Amino acid sequence: MTAHAEQKRGGRFGAVIGSALAAMLCVVAAVAASTPARSQGESGARYTGVASCAGSTCHGRMEGDGIVVRQDELMKWQEPSTPGGAHSRAWAVLTGSRSRFIARNLGIGDPATAPMCLGCHATAGALGTRGAARGTVPLEDGVGCESCHGPAGGWIASHYAGVGTNADPDAEMRAKHLSNLRAGLVRLEDPVVRAGVCVDCHFGSAADGQFVTHRIMAAGHPRLSFELDLFSSLQAHHQEDADYGWRKFGTASGRTDHVQMWAVGQATAIERSLTLFQSRRGTEGIFPEFFFLDCHSCHRRIYDQAQAVRTGVDNPGRPIPEGMPPYNDENLIMLSAAARMASPALADQLAARTAAFHKAMATDRASAVQAAAQLSQTVAALKAAFASRGFSGADAFAMVDAIAARAVNARFTDYAGSQQAVMGVDTLLGAMVSSGRVTIGAAAGIRVDIERAYAAVKDPNSYKPAEFQTALGSAVRAIGALR
């Protein structure tokens, strides 16, 4: 596991999504010990199931003592009651009482077999979706290896074949990885590719069973919250060493750029949100799809008394009338903080089009869809700009400053945006450790301040914007002192 992932595990990630994980991911899914299952993926590649990765010469060791890779990846994938084992428990949680409660409210029958649930709680090879033959991969696999790495039928033989006697084994390892990519292995080391895979379930897609609507949340499903680099670090079952660098990047020093991963993730999340908003997913019956709106602009206590009590806080980034629920702009706020580093011109365009989109939301759906399309163009351009450049340790410091800048900090008036802000600072601190700009010991001291900021967003019902801004500011000043 990388130092970055260790830092993530040491932070207060549980304060942000711990309650949701405890409720939704509370049972360990067993790995099938039967003969590898077979099914056809969308490109003709076969899904082979988790069991095909489970050999002791592959990823099924009890200790991470492999020469090239750890080889205990399956055990890490199954870690009980930890974020690192969440994918393995994804289907098993559908058999629990909370899932049955949600299913009763929605009238969908058994959640363990309901298409509405299986789109994200099981592997495609078990579903009959995206061209896969239903039932040929065990549902018990949960979100198995191939959910992220792609159906393995086309590349698994080459994947486990090992390297030969080439005079340059590093070059051979790189060549084999490139060959596997051509055969269908998903290039998750690419931030754009990884973000596209992750947001399908962690944010939503147009596919069946991959969109958590307001009705589903009202039935009892937790609100979705996602940050690409933080979640990736918590799910990292590998180590980024010289072998990893050669395979993935063609150089022994190749490593994940965590600042880039964070920035691309923010852009991808809002890009997906705006795309879904423009589609049929943007409405349900005569109502807008409330998933896209800021939950806590409506979910506040209602007072009926002579002396009026205002529960909202003015947000300079949302030029909308009082009492109108705003679009959930948590990722837009983070994107505005990152945009200046990638392209000042695009940052100005993002600010203008964000304001225009919020204003259009107060007009009518046609105007909002048109403004969303224009905003999407800017977001896509920013994503491309992030993906095409590297970020240094100094950039991480600058990004933290941008998140805490007055123009951005004033927009942390709602729980969701503030939650993204503290996750962002947490990610960027981890990037500073990975790049050697901050020692693990110094980061541990700063985490006292970060934990205070996490505590301020632990309970959405007791969120107080002023207290959060103070806590985040303290964390940022502590990081700045190490510049």
Protein backbone atom coordinates (compact mmCIF):
# COMPACT_ATOMS: atom_id res chain seq x y z
CA MET A 1 0.00 0.00 0.00
CA THR A 2 1.32 3.48 -0.82
CA ALA A 3 2.10 6.09 1.83
CA HIS A 4 -0.69 8.12 0.24
CA ALA A 5 -3.20 5.34 0.92
CA GLU A 6 -1.90 4.92 4.46
CA GLN A 7 -2.44 8.64 5.04
CA LYS A 8 -5.97 8.33 3.71
CA ARG A 9 -6.76 5.46 6.01
CA GLY A 10 -5.40 7.49 8.90
CA GLY A 11 -7.73 10.43 8.17
CA ARG A 12 -11.36 10.83 9.19
CA PHE A 13 -12.80 9.31 6.01
CA GLY A 14 -15.29 7.47 8.20
CA ALA A 15 -16.70 10.79 9.39
CA VAL A 16 -17.80 11.50 5.84
CA ILE A 17 -19.18 8.18 4.63
CA GLY A 18 -18.72 5.88 7.58
CA SER A 19 -22.38 5.71 8.50
CA ALA A 20 -23.35 4.88 4.92
CA LEU A 21 -20.70 2.19 4.67
CA ALA A 22 -21.70 0.69 7.99
CA ALA A 23 -25.31 0.46 6.87
CA MET A 24 -24.78 -0.58 3.27
CA LEU A 25 -21.57 -2.61 3.42
CA CYS A 26 -21.80 -4.63 6.61
CA VAL A 27 -21.35 -8.22 5.46
CA VAL A 28 -18.32 -9.86 3.83
CA ALA A 29 -19.12 -11.52 0.51
CA ALA A 30 -17.48 -14.93 0.08
CA VAL A 31 -15.41 -15.61 -3.02
CA ALA A 32 -16.73 -18.52 -5.06
CA ALA A 33 -14.38 -21.49 -5.01
CA SER A 34 -15.94 -23.17 -8.04
CA THR A 35 -14.61 -23.41 -11.57
CA PRO A 36 -14.26 -19.94 -13.14
CA ALA A 37 -17.56 -18.82 -14.60
CA ARG A 38 -17.87 -17.65 -18.19
CA SER A 39 -19.96 -14.97 -19.86
CA GLN A 40 -19.69 -12.65 -22.79
CA GLY A 41 -18.95 -8.94 -22.35
CA GLU A 42 -19.93 -6.11 -24.68
CA SER A 43 -16.80 -6.56 -26.83
CA GLY A 44 -17.05 -10.36 -26.90
CA ALA A 45 -14.58 -10.76 -24.03
CA ARG A 46 -15.54 -13.32 -21.38
CA TYR A 47 -16.16 -12.52 -17.74
CA THR A 48 -14.30 -15.14 -15.72
CA GLY A 49 -15.32 -14.28 -12.15
CA VAL A 50 -13.29 -13.52 -9.04
CA ALA A 51 -12.31 -17.18 -8.61
CA SER A 52 -10.11 -16.94 -11.69
CA CYS A 53 -7.88 -14.47 -9.79
CA ALA A 54 -7.78 -16.45 -6.55
CA GLY A 55 -4.86 -18.85 -7.05
CA SER A 56 -1.95 -18.66 -4.62
CA THR A 57 0.37 -18.01 -7.56
CA CYS A 58 -1.83 -15.08 -8.62
CA HIS A 59 -3.67 -12.77 -6.21
CA GLY A 60 -4.83 -15.21 -3.55
CA ARG A 61 -1.91 -15.29 -1.11
CA MET A 62 -2.44 -14.64 2.60
CA GLU A 63 0.64 -12.38 2.75
CA GLY A 64 1.74 -9.64 0.41
CA ASP A 65 5.16 -11.12 -0.30
CA GLY A 66 5.07 -11.41 -4.09
CA ILE A 67 8.08 -10.33 -6.12
CA VAL A 68 6.36 -8.18 -8.75
CA VAL A 69 2.98 -7.49 -7.11
CA ARG A 70 1.82 -8.12 -3.55
CA GLN A 71 -0.28 -11.20 -4.52
CA ASP A 72 -2.57 -10.74 -1.49
CA GLU A 73 -4.87 -8.43 -3.44
CA LEU A 74 -7.86 -10.72 -3.04
CA MET A 75 -7.50 -10.69 0.74
CA LYS A 76 -7.31 -6.89 0.69
CA TRP A 77 -10.41 -6.82 -1.53
CA GLN A 78 -12.19 -8.88 1.14
CA GLU A 79 -11.08 -6.91 4.22
CA PRO A 80 -14.02 -7.17 6.62
CA SER A 81 -15.80 -4.01 7.72
CA THR A 82 -13.29 -1.65 6.14
CA PRO A 83 -13.55 0.69 3.14
CA GLY A 84 -10.91 -1.45 1.40
CA GLY A 85 -13.27 -4.42 1.37
CA ALA A 86 -16.40 -2.51 0.39
CA HIS A 87 -16.58 -3.82 -3.18
CA SER A 88 -16.55 -7.45 -2.05
CA ARG A 89 -19.54 -6.77 0.23
CA ALA A 90 -21.57 -4.90 -2.37
CA TRP A 91 -23.98 -7.73 -3.19
CA ALA A 92 -24.12 -9.24 0.31
CA VAL A 93 -25.42 -5.97 1.71
CA LEU A 94 -28.53 -6.40 -0.46
CA THR A 95 -29.54 -9.32 1.75
CA GLY A 96 -29.57 -7.15 4.89
CA SER A 97 -32.49 -5.57 6.73
CA ARG A 98 -31.88 -2.04 5.50
CA SER A 99 -31.84 -3.12 1.87
CA ARG A 100 -35.05 -5.11 2.36
CA PHE A 101 -36.61 -2.03 3.97
CA ILE A 102 -35.64 0.12 0.96
CA ALA A 103 -36.95 -2.52 -1.46
CA ARG A 104 -40.32 -2.70 0.36
CA ASN A 105 -40.66 1.07 0.14
CA LEU A 106 -39.95 0.97 -3.58
CA GLY A 107 -42.02 -2.16 -4.27
CA ILE A 108 -39.22 -3.89 -6.19
CA GLY A 109 -39.27 -7.31 -4.50
CA ASP A 110 -36.06 -8.99 -3.39
CA PRO A 111 -33.24 -6.40 -3.56
CA ALA A 112 -30.69 -9.20 -4.01
CA THR A 113 -32.14 -9.90 -7.47
CA ALA A 114 -33.67 -6.50 -8.37
CA PRO A 115 -32.18 -4.92 -11.53
CA MET A 116 -32.52 -1.51 -9.86
CA CYS A 117 -29.89 -2.63 -7.31
CA LEU A 118 -27.71 -5.07 -9.22
CA GLY A 119 -26.43 -2.49 -11.69
CA CYS A 120 -24.01 -1.27 -9.02
CA HIS A 121 -24.02 -4.05 -6.43
CA ALA A 122 -22.83 -6.88 -8.71
CA THR A 123 -20.47 -7.54 -11.60
CA ALA A 124 -21.79 -7.12 -15.14
CA GLY A 125 -21.08 -10.80 -15.87
CA ALA A 126 -23.67 -11.74 -13.25
CA LEU A 127 -26.36 -9.44 -14.58
CA GLY A 128 -26.99 -10.01 -18.23
CA THR A 129 -26.17 -6.33 -18.80
CA ARG A 130 -23.84 -4.76 -21.35
CA GLY A 131 -23.94 -7.98 -23.39
CA ALA A 132 -23.10 -10.37 -20.54
CA ALA A 133 -24.99 -13.63 -20.12
CA ARG A 134 -27.02 -13.49 -16.92
CA GLY A 135 -26.04 -15.75 -14.06
CA THR A 136 -22.69 -16.98 -15.36
CA VAL A 137 -20.68 -15.02 -12.76
CA PRO A 138 -21.79 -15.54 -9.13
CA LEU A 139 -23.76 -12.67 -7.68
CA GLU A 140 -21.84 -13.35 -4.47
CA ASP A 141 -18.73 -11.92 -6.14
CA GLY A 142 -20.23 -8.49 -5.53
CA VAL A 143 -18.29 -5.79 -7.34
CA GLY A 144 -15.56 -8.13 -8.48
CA CYS A 145 -12.21 -7.53 -10.13
CA GLU A 146 -13.69 -7.33 -13.63
CA SER A 147 -16.14 -4.58 -12.66
CA CYS A 148 -13.19 -2.20 -12.73
CA HIS A 149 -10.48 -4.02 -14.69
CA GLY A 150 -12.78 -5.25 -17.46
CA PRO A 151 -13.86 -8.78 -18.55
CA ALA A 152 -10.73 -10.90 -18.37
CA GLY A 153 -11.37 -13.58 -20.96
CA GLY A 154 -9.27 -11.84 -23.58
CA TRP A 155 -6.24 -11.06 -21.45
CA ILE A 156 -6.12 -13.30 -18.36
CA ALA A 157 -3.80 -15.92 -19.92
CA SER A 158 -1.26 -13.28 -20.89
CA HIS A 159 -1.74 -11.52 -17.56
CA TYR A 160 -0.59 -14.48 -15.47
CA ALA A 161 2.01 -15.79 -17.92
CA GLY A 162 4.83 -13.78 -16.39
CA VAL A 163 7.87 -12.41 -18.20
CA GLY A 164 10.39 -14.51 -20.06
CA THR A 165 14.16 -14.31 -20.38
CA ASN A 166 14.31 -11.03 -22.25
CA ALA A 167 17.49 -9.07 -21.55
CA ASP A 168 15.26 -6.14 -20.56
CA PRO A 169 12.51 -7.57 -18.31
CA ASP A 170 11.16 -4.09 -17.51
CA ALA A 171 10.55 -3.38 -21.19
CA GLU A 172 8.99 -6.83 -21.57
CA MET A 173 6.70 -6.17 -18.61
CA ARG A 174 5.64 -2.87 -20.14
CA ALA A 175 5.03 -4.48 -23.54
CA LYS A 176 2.90 -7.20 -21.97
CA HIS A 177 0.80 -4.63 -20.13
CA LEU A 178 0.21 -2.70 -23.36
CA SER A 179 -0.80 -5.94 -25.05
CA ASN A 180 -3.26 -6.67 -22.25
CA LEU A 181 -4.75 -3.20 -22.64
CA ARG A 182 -5.35 -3.90 -26.33
CA ALA A 183 -7.03 -7.18 -25.32
CA GLY A 184 -9.51 -5.42 -23.02
CA LEU A 185 -7.77 -4.70 -19.71
CA VAL A 186 -9.01 -1.30 -18.53
CA ARG A 187 -6.29 1.34 -18.23
CA LEU A 188 -7.14 2.45 -14.71
CA GLU A 189 -3.82 4.26 -14.30
CA ASP A 190 -5.27 6.90 -16.65
CA PRO A 191 -7.26 9.36 -14.47
CA VAL A 192 -9.85 9.98 -17.20
CA VAL A 193 -10.45 6.26 -17.72
CA ARG A 194 -10.61 5.54 -13.99
CA ALA A 195 -12.99 8.41 -13.37
CA GLY A 196 -15.28 7.17 -16.13
CA VAL A 197 -15.40 3.69 -14.59
CA CYS A 198 -15.96 4.87 -11.01
CA VAL A 199 -18.64 7.51 -11.57
CA ASP A 200 -20.95 4.97 -13.23
CA CYS A 201 -21.85 3.64 -9.79
CA HIS A 202 -20.50 6.23 -7.38
CA PHE A 203 -22.26 9.09 -9.16
CA GLY A 204 -24.64 7.57 -11.70
CA SER A 205 -25.06 6.65 -15.35
CA ALA A 206 -27.84 6.30 -17.89
CA ALA A 207 -27.62 2.48 -17.67
CA ASP A 208 -30.31 0.50 -15.86
CA GLY A 209 -29.62 0.10 -12.18
CA GLN A 210 -26.95 2.79 -12.10
CA PHE A 211 -28.80 5.91 -11.03
CA VAL A 212 -29.81 6.55 -7.41
CA THR A 213 -32.85 8.77 -7.80
CA HIS A 214 -34.43 10.97 -5.16
CA ARG A 215 -37.14 8.33 -4.73
CA ILE A 216 -34.51 5.70 -3.96
CA MET A 217 -32.87 7.97 -1.41
CA ALA A 218 -36.25 8.81 0.08
CA ALA A 219 -36.84 5.07 0.46
CA GLY A 220 -33.73 4.87 2.65
CA HIS A 221 -30.65 4.68 0.39
CA PRO A 222 -27.71 6.81 1.58
CA ARG A 223 -26.90 9.99 -0.29
CA LEU A 224 -24.06 9.44 -2.77
CA SER A 225 -20.74 11.09 -2.01
CA PHE A 226 -17.61 10.49 -4.07
CA GLU A 227 -14.11 11.85 -4.50
CA LEU A 228 -11.97 9.95 -7.01
CA ASP A 229 -8.54 10.11 -5.44
CA LEU A 230 -9.69 9.56 -1.86
CA PHE A 231 -11.84 6.57 -2.75
CA SER A 232 -9.12 5.17 -5.05
CA SER A 233 -6.60 5.33 -2.21
CA LEU A 234 -8.93 3.50 0.14
CA GLN A 235 -9.46 0.78 -2.47
CA ALA A 236 -5.77 0.48 -3.41
CA HIS A 237 -4.77 -3.17 -3.05
CA HIS A 238 -1.41 -2.69 -4.78
CA GLN A 239 1.85 -0.89 -4.13
CA GLU A 240 3.34 1.72 -6.43
CA ASP A 241 6.96 0.65 -6.73
CA ALA A 242 9.44 0.49 -9.61
CA ASP A 243 7.73 -2.56 -11.13
CA TYR A 244 4.41 -0.73 -11.07
CA GLY A 245 6.05 2.30 -12.69
CA TRP A 246 7.49 0.23 -15.52
CA ARG A 247 4.25 -1.63 -16.22
CA LYS A 248 1.90 1.32 -16.07
CA PHE A 249 4.00 4.28 -17.18
CA GLY A 250 7.13 2.89 -18.84
CA THR A 251 9.51 4.31 -16.22
CA ALA A 252 10.64 3.13 -12.79
CA SER A 253 9.66 6.50 -11.31
CA GLY A 254 6.11 6.45 -12.71
CA ARG A 255 3.49 7.02 -10.03
CA THR A 256 -0.09 8.18 -9.67
CA ASP A 257 -0.38 11.97 -9.79
CA HIS A 258 -2.83 12.42 -6.93
CA VAL A 259 -3.48 16.10 -7.57
CA GLN A 260 -4.31 15.32 -11.19
CA MET A 261 -6.50 12.40 -10.11
CA TRP A 262 -8.44 14.67 -7.75
CA ALA A 263 -8.91 17.42 -10.33
CA VAL A 264 -9.97 15.04 -13.13
CA GLY A 265 -12.38 13.37 -10.70
CA GLN A 266 -14.07 16.65 -9.85
CA ALA A 267 -14.46 17.54 -13.53
CA THR A 268 -15.78 14.08 -14.41
CA ALA A 269 -18.36 14.14 -11.62
CA ILE A 270 -19.89 17.46 -12.65
CA GLU A 271 -19.65 16.50 -16.34
CA ARG A 272 -21.64 13.33 -15.61
CA SER A 273 -24.12 15.23 -13.47
CA LEU A 274 -24.77 17.81 -16.19
CA THR A 275 -25.09 15.10 -18.86
CA LEU A 276 -27.68 13.20 -16.84
CA PHE A 277 -29.50 16.44 -16.01
CA GLN A 278 -29.89 17.18 -19.72
CA SER A 279 -31.25 13.69 -20.42
CA ARG A 280 -34.54 12.07 -19.52
CA ARG A 281 -33.02 11.49 -16.08
CA GLY A 282 -33.49 15.20 -15.41
CA THR A 283 -37.22 14.84 -14.74
CA GLU A 284 -39.61 12.37 -13.19
CA GLY A 285 -43.25 12.89 -14.00
CA ILE A 286 -44.12 16.56 -13.65
CA PHE A 287 -41.28 17.11 -11.19
CA PRO A 288 -37.60 17.80 -11.74
CA GLU A 289 -35.36 14.94 -10.57
CA PHE A 290 -34.48 16.19 -7.10
CA PHE A 291 -31.25 14.15 -7.11
CA PHE A 292 -29.62 17.06 -8.94
CA LEU A 293 -30.58 19.65 -6.34
CA ASP A 294 -28.82 20.46 -3.09
CA CYS A 295 -30.45 18.17 -0.51
CA HIS A 296 -30.09 20.48 2.44
CA SER A 297 -31.54 23.52 0.74
CA CYS A 298 -34.89 21.80 1.35
CA HIS A 299 -34.10 19.38 4.17
CA ARG A 300 -33.94 22.00 6.89
CA ARG A 301 -36.07 22.50 9.97
CA ILE A 302 -39.25 24.42 9.31
CA TYR A 303 -40.11 27.17 11.80
CA ASP A 304 -43.59 28.66 12.22
CA GLN A 305 -43.31 31.54 14.66
CA ALA A 306 -43.78 35.28 14.83
CA GLN A 307 -40.06 36.01 14.81
CA ALA A 308 -38.75 34.65 11.51
CA VAL A 309 -35.67 32.43 11.66
CA ARG A 310 -33.59 32.24 8.52
CA THR A 311 -31.91 28.86 8.09
CA GLY A 312 -30.15 29.47 4.76
CA VAL A 313 -26.92 31.35 4.08
CA ASP A 314 -26.27 33.60 1.08
CA ASN A 315 -24.09 31.95 -1.54
CA PRO A 316 -22.33 34.31 -3.99
CA GLY A 317 -22.02 31.56 -6.59
CA ARG A 318 -25.77 31.03 -6.91
CA PRO A 319 -27.67 33.99 -8.36
CA ILE A 320 -31.14 32.55 -7.67
CA PRO A 321 -34.23 33.88 -5.89
CA GLU A 322 -34.68 33.24 -2.17
CA GLY A 323 -36.49 29.99 -1.49
CA MET A 324 -35.56 28.28 -4.75
CA PRO A 325 -33.59 25.03 -4.36
CA PRO A 326 -30.20 25.26 -6.10
CA TYR A 327 -28.38 22.73 -8.24
CA ASN A 328 -25.97 20.62 -6.19
CA ASP A 329 -22.74 22.39 -7.11
CA GLU A 330 -20.31 20.65 -4.72
CA ASN A 331 -18.07 19.54 -7.59
CA LEU A 332 -18.39 22.87 -9.38
CA ILE A 333 -17.04 24.63 -6.30
CA MET A 334 -14.01 22.32 -6.21
CA LEU A 335 -13.56 22.65 -9.96
CA SER A 336 -13.48 26.43 -9.67
CA ALA A 337 -10.66 26.09 -7.15
CA ALA A 338 -8.63 23.86 -9.48
CA ALA A 339 -9.38 25.69 -12.74
CA ARG A 340 -6.96 28.61 -12.25
CA MET A 341 -3.99 26.25 -12.28
CA ALA A 342 -4.99 24.58 -15.53
CA SER A 343 -6.25 27.57 -17.51
CA PRO A 344 -7.11 31.06 -16.20
CA ALA A 345 -9.19 31.71 -19.32
CA LEU A 346 -11.24 28.57 -18.76
CA ALA A 347 -11.54 29.47 -15.07
CA ASP A 348 -13.19 32.78 -16.03
CA GLN A 349 -15.46 30.97 -18.48
CA LEU A 350 -16.36 28.41 -15.81
CA ALA A 351 -17.35 31.15 -13.37
CA ALA A 352 -19.50 32.92 -15.95
CA ARG A 353 -21.22 29.77 -17.20
CA THR A 354 -21.77 28.45 -13.67
CA ALA A 355 -23.56 31.68 -12.74
CA ALA A 356 -25.56 31.54 -15.99
CA PHE A 357 -26.57 27.93 -15.29
CA HIS A 358 -27.77 28.71 -11.76
CA LYS A 359 -29.71 31.69 -13.08
CA ALA A 360 -31.27 29.59 -15.85
CA MET A 361 -32.46 27.08 -13.25
CA ALA A 362 -34.78 29.82 -12.02
CA THR A 363 -36.26 30.34 -15.50
CA ASP A 364 -37.43 27.07 -17.05
CA ARG A 365 -36.11 23.62 -17.94
CA ALA A 366 -35.33 24.48 -21.55
CA SER A 367 -33.14 27.40 -20.48
CA ALA A 368 -31.46 25.26 -17.80
CA VAL A 369 -30.69 22.45 -20.26
CA GLN A 370 -29.19 24.93 -22.73
CA ALA A 371 -27.04 26.51 -20.01
CA ALA A 372 -26.02 23.04 -18.78
CA ALA A 373 -24.81 22.14 -22.27
CA GLN A 374 -22.61 25.23 -22.42
CA LEU A 375 -21.25 24.60 -18.93
CA SER A 376 -20.52 20.98 -19.90
CA GLN A 377 -18.30 22.19 -22.74
CA THR A 378 -16.20 24.22 -20.32
CA VAL A 379 -15.98 21.35 -17.85
CA ALA A 380 -14.87 18.95 -20.59
CA ALA A 381 -12.17 21.40 -21.69
CA LEU A 382 -10.95 21.68 -18.11
CA LYS A 383 -10.87 17.91 -17.72
CA ALA A 384 -8.72 17.66 -20.84
CA ALA A 385 -6.43 20.39 -19.49
CA PHE A 386 -6.00 18.54 -16.18
CA ALA A 387 -5.34 15.24 -17.94
CA SER A 388 -2.67 16.73 -20.21
CA ARG A 389 -0.44 18.20 -17.50
CA GLY A 390 1.40 16.94 -14.46
CA PHE A 391 1.11 18.48 -11.01
CA SER A 392 4.02 19.04 -8.64
CA GLY A 393 4.11 19.11 -4.86
CA ALA A 394 4.11 22.89 -5.07
CA ASP A 395 0.90 22.69 -7.12
CA ALA A 396 -0.74 20.80 -4.25
CA PHE A 397 0.01 23.71 -1.90
CA ALA A 398 -1.42 26.14 -4.44
CA MET A 399 -4.54 24.00 -4.81
CA VAL A 400 -5.11 24.00 -1.05
CA ASP A 401 -4.81 27.78 -1.09
CA ALA A 402 -7.36 27.93 -3.91
CA ILE A 403 -9.87 25.81 -1.99
CA ALA A 404 -9.54 28.14 1.00
CA ALA A 405 -9.53 31.36 -1.04
CA ARG A 406 -12.17 33.88 -0.03
CA ALA A 407 -14.09 33.63 -3.31
CA VAL A 408 -14.35 29.84 -2.94
CA ASN A 409 -14.66 29.62 0.85
CA ALA A 410 -17.70 31.89 0.78
CA ARG A 411 -19.50 29.25 -1.29
CA PHE A 412 -19.25 26.60 1.46
CA THR A 413 -22.75 27.36 2.65
CA ASP A 414 -24.15 23.87 2.24
CA TYR A 415 -23.14 20.51 3.63
CA ALA A 416 -22.29 18.83 0.31
CA GLY A 417 -19.81 21.45 -0.90
CA SER A 418 -18.10 21.58 2.47
CA GLN A 419 -17.79 17.80 2.52
CA GLN A 420 -16.01 17.91 -0.84
CA ALA A 421 -13.72 20.67 0.40
CA VAL A 422 -12.37 18.74 3.39
CA MET A 423 -11.99 15.58 1.27
CA GLY A 424 -10.07 17.69 -1.25
CA VAL A 425 -7.70 19.11 1.37
CA ASP A 426 -7.23 15.58 2.73
CA THR A 427 -6.33 14.31 -0.76
CA LEU A 428 -3.93 17.17 -1.42
CA LEU A 429 -2.14 16.67 1.89
CA GLY A 430 -1.69 13.03 0.93
CA ALA A 431 -0.22 14.16 -2.41
CA MET A 432 2.28 16.34 -0.55
CA VAL A 433 3.39 13.31 1.45
CA SER A 434 3.68 11.17 -1.70
CA SER A 435 5.80 13.81 -3.43
CA GLY A 436 8.07 14.19 -0.42
CA ARG A 437 7.09 17.81 0.22
CA VAL A 438 5.64 16.96 3.64
CA THR A 439 6.80 14.21 5.99
CA ILE A 440 4.39 11.60 7.35
CA GLY A 441 5.05 12.93 10.85
CA ALA A 442 4.24 16.52 9.92
CA ALA A 443 1.10 15.39 8.09
CA ALA A 444 -0.03 13.49 11.20
CA GLY A 445 0.08 16.74 13.16
CA ILE A 446 -1.93 18.59 10.53
CA ARG A 447 -4.57 15.86 10.62
CA VAL A 448 -5.70 17.16 14.00
CA ASP A 449 -7.00 20.22 12.15
CA ILE A 450 -8.40 18.14 9.29
CA GLU A 451 -10.26 15.95 11.76
CA ARG A 452 -11.89 19.07 13.20
CA ALA A 453 -13.07 19.99 9.71
CA TYR A 454 -14.36 16.43 9.16
CA ALA A 455 -16.18 16.61 12.49
CA ALA A 456 -17.94 19.76 11.30
CA VAL A 457 -19.47 17.82 8.38
CA LYS A 458 -20.03 14.53 10.19
CA ASP A 459 -23.75 15.11 10.69
CA PRO A 460 -25.63 16.98 7.95
CA ASN A 461 -28.38 17.83 10.41
CA SER A 462 -26.02 19.74 12.67
CA TYR A 463 -23.88 21.34 9.96
CA LYS A 464 -22.96 24.97 10.68
CA PRO A 465 -21.21 26.79 7.82
CA ALA A 466 -19.30 29.28 9.97
CA GLU A 467 -17.84 26.55 12.18
CA PHE A 468 -16.78 24.54 9.15
CA GLN A 469 -15.10 27.52 7.50
CA THR A 470 -13.16 28.18 10.70
CA ALA A 471 -12.04 24.55 11.03
CA LEU A 472 -11.02 24.29 7.37
CA GLY A 473 -9.14 27.57 7.60
CA SER A 474 -7.15 26.27 10.55
CA ALA A 475 -6.19 23.13 8.61
CA VAL A 476 -5.16 25.17 5.59
CA ARG A 477 -3.00 27.51 7.66
CA ALA A 478 -1.25 24.53 9.22
CA ILE A 479 -0.51 23.14 5.76
CA GLY A 480 0.67 26.56 4.53
CA ALA A 481 3.15 26.78 7.39
CA LEU A 482 5.02 23.81 5.86
CA ARG A 483 5.36 25.35 2.41
